[in-house]
Amino acid sequence: MPRSELARLHPCVAHRGWSGGAPENTLAAFRLALAEPAVRGVEMDVHLSKDGIPVVIHDEKLKRTTNGRGRVQDYTADELGRLDAGSWFHPSFAGESVPTLEEVLRLLGGKLKLNVELKEGTRRVELLAFKVAELVRRLGLEADTTITSFERSILETSKRVAPELRIGWITKKRLNRKLIMRLREIGASFLSVEHSSLSEAGVREAVEAGIEVMAWTVNEPRDFARLAAIRQPLLLCTNYPDRWLMAVQDGTEENGEEENPYDDV
């Protein structure tokens, strides 16, 4: 199959932005993804701040990716915006903040497909779902946005408050008929699966059922090669869009893993 066809069949989604080259879930990571024309979409993680504003950060707690301490939900969006969310990755990113979802959507809206993961752990699920849906509607991004979660209850809540938005389940389970039936039960048309749980037969069955499938998180050349061999439409979510690009254009997936100067940070 020509490399151009592989790229079309297996589009790239930048995981937490281009998080292999910039601190995850920051505007820097999203700008980096936006600068690569081959990237089709971005994935991001959303929590609710103390004052009820959706903010883009993966963990429930601040310690790993910021200079803050404690839980995201105990800080206002303004306070989160004053934290340093970049220095942990590399000194050149000092001063990158925890962005609001609105900042990220305004940057990317109309340019890339948006995979907005609502994080589990919050006790304000309905408010989170409502606030995200309200923002997507206000910015006119309904057609470009998929709301995803590991938690069925979060997806059901999202579908109830915004039936027009597409929802998708995230799972580590093997893709099979039973999983597809569960998706249909909640009105989901998107499935994000841990890449080692995917097979060509499973992807084919999902596609035939009208389900779009995304593999996460694909970073190793050998995994790109295996998934590129699946002759079914399949999104590849990665921290390293450059490695995806090499795999689908140059065949360099056989040359080993590309060195990243920040891997040891």
Protein backbone atom coordinates (compact mmCIF):
# COMPACT_ATOMS: atom_id res chain seq x y z
CA MET A 1 0.00 0.00 0.00
CA PRO A 2 1.43 3.47 -0.90
CA ARG A 3 2.57 5.61 2.03
CA SER A 4 0.03 8.30 1.12
CA GLU A 5 -2.71 5.71 1.50
CA LEU A 6 -1.35 4.63 4.89
CA ALA A 7 -1.48 8.24 6.07
CA ARG A 8 -5.06 8.58 4.86
CA LEU A 9 -6.14 5.29 6.40
CA HIS A 10 -4.33 5.88 9.72
CA PRO A 11 -4.56 9.61 10.56
CA CYS A 12 -2.50 11.07 13.41
CA VAL A 13 -3.95 12.44 16.64
CA ALA A 14 -1.53 14.30 18.91
CA HIS A 15 -1.85 12.95 22.47
CA ARG A 16 -2.17 15.83 24.96
CA GLY A 17 -0.86 17.93 22.10
CA TRP A 18 2.59 17.11 20.74
CA SER A 19 3.55 15.94 24.20
CA GLY A 20 6.82 14.32 23.12
CA GLY A 21 8.18 17.73 22.16
CA ALA A 22 6.50 20.11 24.63
CA PRO A 23 4.87 19.81 28.07
CA GLU A 24 1.62 17.89 27.82
CA ASN A 25 -1.72 19.71 27.71
CA THR A 26 -0.12 23.14 27.42
CA LEU A 27 -0.63 25.72 24.70
CA ALA A 28 2.96 25.04 23.62
CA ALA A 29 2.14 21.38 22.94
CA PHE A 30 -1.02 22.27 21.05
CA ARG A 31 0.76 24.92 18.97
CA LEU A 32 3.42 22.38 18.06
CA ALA A 33 0.74 19.93 16.89
CA LEU A 34 -0.99 22.68 14.95
CA ALA A 35 2.24 23.52 13.12
CA GLU A 36 2.41 20.04 11.54
CA PRO A 37 -0.04 19.89 8.61
CA ALA A 38 -0.15 16.08 8.74
CA VAL A 39 -1.70 16.04 12.23
CA ARG A 40 -5.45 15.56 11.94
CA GLY A 41 -6.55 16.02 15.53
CA VAL A 42 -5.56 16.49 19.16
CA GLU A 43 -6.53 14.77 22.38
CA MET A 44 -6.75 16.70 25.65
CA ASP A 45 -7.82 16.08 29.26
CA VAL A 46 -10.27 18.23 31.16
CA HIS A 47 -11.00 18.79 34.84
CA LEU A 48 -13.20 21.38 36.52
CA SER A 49 -11.59 24.17 38.55
CA LYS A 50 -12.83 25.29 41.94
CA ASP A 51 -14.84 28.06 40.30
CA GLY A 52 -16.44 25.74 37.76
CA ILE A 53 -14.28 26.44 34.71
CA PRO A 54 -13.05 23.56 32.52
CA VAL A 55 -9.24 23.46 32.53
CA VAL A 56 -6.86 21.28 30.50
CA ILE A 57 -4.69 19.01 32.64
CA HIS A 58 -4.42 15.24 32.92
CA ASP A 59 -3.96 14.44 36.60
CA GLU A 60 -6.38 15.05 39.42
CA LYS A 61 -3.42 16.40 41.41
CA LEU A 62 -0.97 19.10 40.41
CA LYS A 63 2.38 17.74 41.54
CA ARG A 64 3.52 15.78 38.47
CA THR A 65 3.13 18.49 35.82
CA THR A 66 3.15 21.82 37.70
CA ASN A 67 4.89 23.58 40.58
CA GLY A 68 1.62 23.44 42.52
CA ARG A 69 0.44 21.01 45.16
CA GLY A 70 -2.94 19.55 45.97
CA ARG A 71 -5.94 18.92 43.73
CA VAL A 72 -6.96 20.76 40.61
CA GLN A 73 -10.50 21.21 41.92
CA ASP A 74 -9.22 23.16 44.94
CA TYR A 75 -7.83 25.99 42.76
CA THR A 76 -9.63 28.61 40.69
CA ALA A 77 -8.90 28.76 36.98
CA ASP A 78 -7.01 32.01 37.53
CA GLU A 79 -4.83 30.40 40.21
CA LEU A 80 -4.14 27.41 37.96
CA GLY A 81 -3.21 29.79 35.17
CA ARG A 82 -0.47 31.28 37.33
CA LEU A 83 1.22 27.92 37.98
CA ASP A 84 4.29 26.79 36.04
CA ALA A 85 3.30 23.76 33.97
CA GLY A 86 6.37 23.72 31.74
CA SER A 87 9.61 23.63 33.75
CA TRP A 88 9.18 19.95 34.72
CA PHE A 89 9.55 19.08 31.03
CA HIS A 90 12.41 21.41 30.12
CA PRO A 91 13.63 24.83 31.34
CA SER A 92 12.85 26.36 27.95
CA PHE A 93 9.14 25.89 28.71
CA ALA A 94 9.19 27.70 32.06
CA GLY A 95 6.07 29.78 32.47
CA GLU A 96 3.72 27.57 30.46
CA SER A 97 0.50 27.55 32.44
CA VAL A 98 -2.49 25.27 32.94
CA PRO A 99 -4.77 26.56 30.17
CA THR A 100 -8.53 26.80 30.28
CA LEU A 101 -10.43 24.67 27.80
CA GLU A 102 -11.66 27.86 26.16
CA GLU A 103 -8.08 28.96 25.46
CA VAL A 104 -7.30 25.62 23.84
CA LEU A 105 -10.48 25.48 21.78
CA ARG A 106 -9.99 29.03 20.54
CA LEU A 107 -6.48 28.10 19.43
CA LEU A 108 -7.45 24.87 17.67
CA GLY A 109 -11.10 25.32 16.73
CA GLY A 110 -11.81 24.97 13.03
CA LYS A 111 -8.28 23.70 12.36
CA LEU A 112 -8.12 20.24 13.96
CA LYS A 113 -10.49 17.57 15.20
CA LEU A 114 -10.90 17.76 18.98
CA ASN A 115 -10.94 14.78 21.35
CA VAL A 116 -11.95 16.14 24.76
CA GLU A 117 -11.53 13.59 27.55
CA LEU A 118 -13.56 14.30 30.68
CA LYS A 119 -11.55 12.96 33.59
CA GLU A 120 -12.96 10.72 36.25
CA GLY A 121 -12.61 11.57 39.93
CA THR A 122 -14.76 14.68 40.02
CA ARG A 123 -17.92 14.79 42.08
CA ARG A 124 -19.35 17.46 39.78
CA VAL A 125 -19.79 15.30 36.70
CA GLU A 126 -22.98 16.96 35.50
CA LEU A 127 -21.52 20.45 35.89
CA LEU A 128 -18.36 19.41 34.04
CA ALA A 129 -20.35 17.90 31.17
CA PHE A 130 -22.63 20.93 31.00
CA LYS A 131 -19.79 23.47 31.05
CA VAL A 132 -17.85 21.67 28.32
CA ALA A 133 -20.94 21.32 26.13
CA GLU A 134 -21.85 24.97 26.68
CA LEU A 135 -18.38 26.06 25.56
CA VAL A 136 -18.34 23.80 22.49
CA ARG A 137 -21.72 25.16 21.43
CA ARG A 138 -20.74 28.80 22.00
CA LEU A 139 -17.66 28.39 19.81
CA GLY A 140 -19.61 26.48 17.14
CA LEU A 141 -17.37 23.40 17.34
CA GLU A 142 -20.00 20.68 17.65
CA ALA A 143 -19.05 19.01 14.36
CA ASP A 144 -15.35 18.86 15.24
CA THR A 145 -15.61 17.66 18.86
CA THR A 146 -15.84 14.21 20.42
CA ILE A 147 -16.36 13.90 24.18
CA THR A 148 -14.58 10.85 25.59
CA SER A 149 -14.14 9.17 28.96
CA PHE A 150 -13.21 5.89 30.63
CA GLU A 151 -16.38 6.21 32.72
CA ARG A 152 -19.70 5.15 31.24
CA SER A 153 -21.58 7.38 33.71
CA ILE A 154 -19.71 10.45 32.46
CA LEU A 155 -20.56 9.61 28.86
CA GLU A 156 -24.21 9.02 29.71
CA THR A 157 -24.33 12.38 31.49
CA SER A 158 -22.68 14.10 28.53
CA LYS A 159 -25.17 12.59 26.13
CA ARG A 160 -28.05 13.71 28.32
CA VAL A 161 -26.92 17.34 28.61
CA ALA A 162 -25.76 17.57 24.97
CA PRO A 163 -27.39 14.90 22.79
CA GLU A 164 -25.99 16.52 19.63
CA LEU A 165 -22.36 15.92 20.63
CA ARG A 166 -20.54 12.75 19.66
CA ILE A 167 -19.31 10.62 22.57
CA GLY A 168 -16.64 7.94 22.74
CA TRP A 169 -15.55 5.31 25.23
CA ILE A 170 -11.92 4.84 26.25
CA THR A 171 -10.92 1.32 27.21
CA LYS A 172 -8.09 -1.17 27.63
CA LYS A 173 -10.41 -4.05 26.85
CA ARG A 174 -10.15 -6.09 23.68
CA LEU A 175 -12.37 -4.81 20.90
CA ASN A 176 -15.13 -7.33 20.32
CA ARG A 177 -18.85 -7.60 19.61
CA LYS A 178 -19.82 -7.24 23.27
CA LEU A 179 -17.93 -3.94 23.55
CA ILE A 180 -19.60 -2.66 20.39
CA MET A 181 -23.01 -3.50 21.86
CA ARG A 182 -22.18 -1.46 24.97
CA LEU A 183 -21.25 1.49 22.79
CA ARG A 184 -24.59 1.29 21.02
CA GLU A 185 -26.42 1.20 24.36
CA ILE A 186 -25.11 4.65 25.29
CA GLY A 187 -25.21 6.16 21.80
CA ALA A 188 -21.42 6.26 21.31
CA SER A 189 -19.90 6.24 17.82
CA PHE A 190 -16.24 6.46 18.80
CA LEU A 191 -13.97 4.01 20.58
CA SER A 192 -10.49 4.73 21.93
CA VAL A 193 -8.63 1.47 22.61
CA GLU A 194 -5.22 0.76 24.16
CA HIS A 195 -3.21 -0.20 21.09
CA SER A 196 -2.12 -3.68 22.23
CA SER A 197 -5.81 -4.71 22.49
CA LEU A 198 -6.50 -4.12 18.79
CA SER A 199 -6.73 -6.66 16.00
CA GLU A 200 -7.70 -6.22 12.37
CA ALA A 201 -10.82 -8.35 12.86
CA GLY A 202 -11.95 -6.22 15.81
CA VAL A 203 -11.36 -2.96 14.00
CA ARG A 204 -13.23 -4.26 10.95
CA GLU A 205 -16.23 -5.23 13.06
CA ALA A 206 -16.33 -1.79 14.69
CA VAL A 207 -16.02 0.02 11.36
CA GLU A 208 -18.84 -2.08 9.89
CA ALA A 209 -20.96 -1.06 12.89
CA GLY A 210 -20.30 2.63 12.20
CA ILE A 211 -17.78 3.05 15.03
CA GLU A 212 -14.64 5.14 14.50
CA VAL A 213 -11.65 3.57 16.27
CA MET A 214 -8.55 5.21 17.72
CA ALA A 215 -5.48 3.38 19.06
CA TRP A 216 -3.74 4.88 22.08
CA THR A 217 -0.97 5.65 22.88
CA VAL A 218 1.28 4.55 20.00
CA ASN A 219 4.89 5.68 20.44
CA GLU A 220 7.20 2.81 19.48
CA PRO A 221 8.22 2.17 15.84
CA ARG A 222 7.31 -1.52 16.05
CA ASP A 223 3.79 -0.61 17.21
CA PHE A 224 3.34 1.90 14.40
CA ALA A 225 4.39 -0.84 11.96
CA ARG A 226 1.95 -3.39 13.37
CA LEU A 227 -0.99 -1.00 13.37
CA ALA A 228 -0.17 0.38 9.93
CA ALA A 229 -0.58 -3.18 8.67
CA ILE A 230 -4.28 -3.08 9.63
CA ARG A 231 -6.15 -2.36 6.40
CA GLN A 232 -9.04 -0.65 8.13
CA PRO A 233 -9.57 3.04 9.04
CA LEU A 234 -7.81 3.57 12.36
CA LEU A 235 -6.72 6.77 14.11
CA LEU A 236 -3.26 6.58 15.72
CA CYS A 237 -2.91 8.66 18.87
CA THR A 238 0.71 9.42 19.74
CA ASN A 239 3.01 11.66 21.76
CA TYR A 240 5.30 11.79 18.72
CA PRO A 241 3.60 12.82 15.47
CA ASP A 242 7.06 12.91 13.85
CA ARG A 243 7.43 9.16 14.43
CA TRP A 244 3.98 8.57 12.96
CA LEU A 245 4.96 10.65 9.94
CA MET A 246 8.11 8.61 9.40
CA ALA A 247 6.17 5.36 9.72
CA VAL A 248 3.57 6.27 7.10
CA GLN A 249 5.82 8.18 4.70
CA ASP A 250 9.37 6.88 4.77
CA GLY A 251 9.13 3.37 6.17
CA THR A 252 11.65 4.26 8.89
CA GLU A 253 9.66 2.35 11.49
CA GLU A 254 12.28 -0.36 10.96
CA ASN A 255 15.18 1.89 11.94
CA GLY A 256 14.48 1.97 15.65
CA GLU A 257 13.23 4.63 18.02
CA GLU A 258 14.17 8.23 17.30
CA GLU A 259 16.07 9.92 20.11
CA ASN A 260 14.24 12.70 21.90
CA PRO A 261 16.46 15.15 23.84
CA TYR A 262 13.84 15.53 26.58
CA ASP A 263 13.17 11.83 27.22
CA ASP A 264 15.19 11.88 30.44
CA VAL A 265 13.54 14.99 31.87
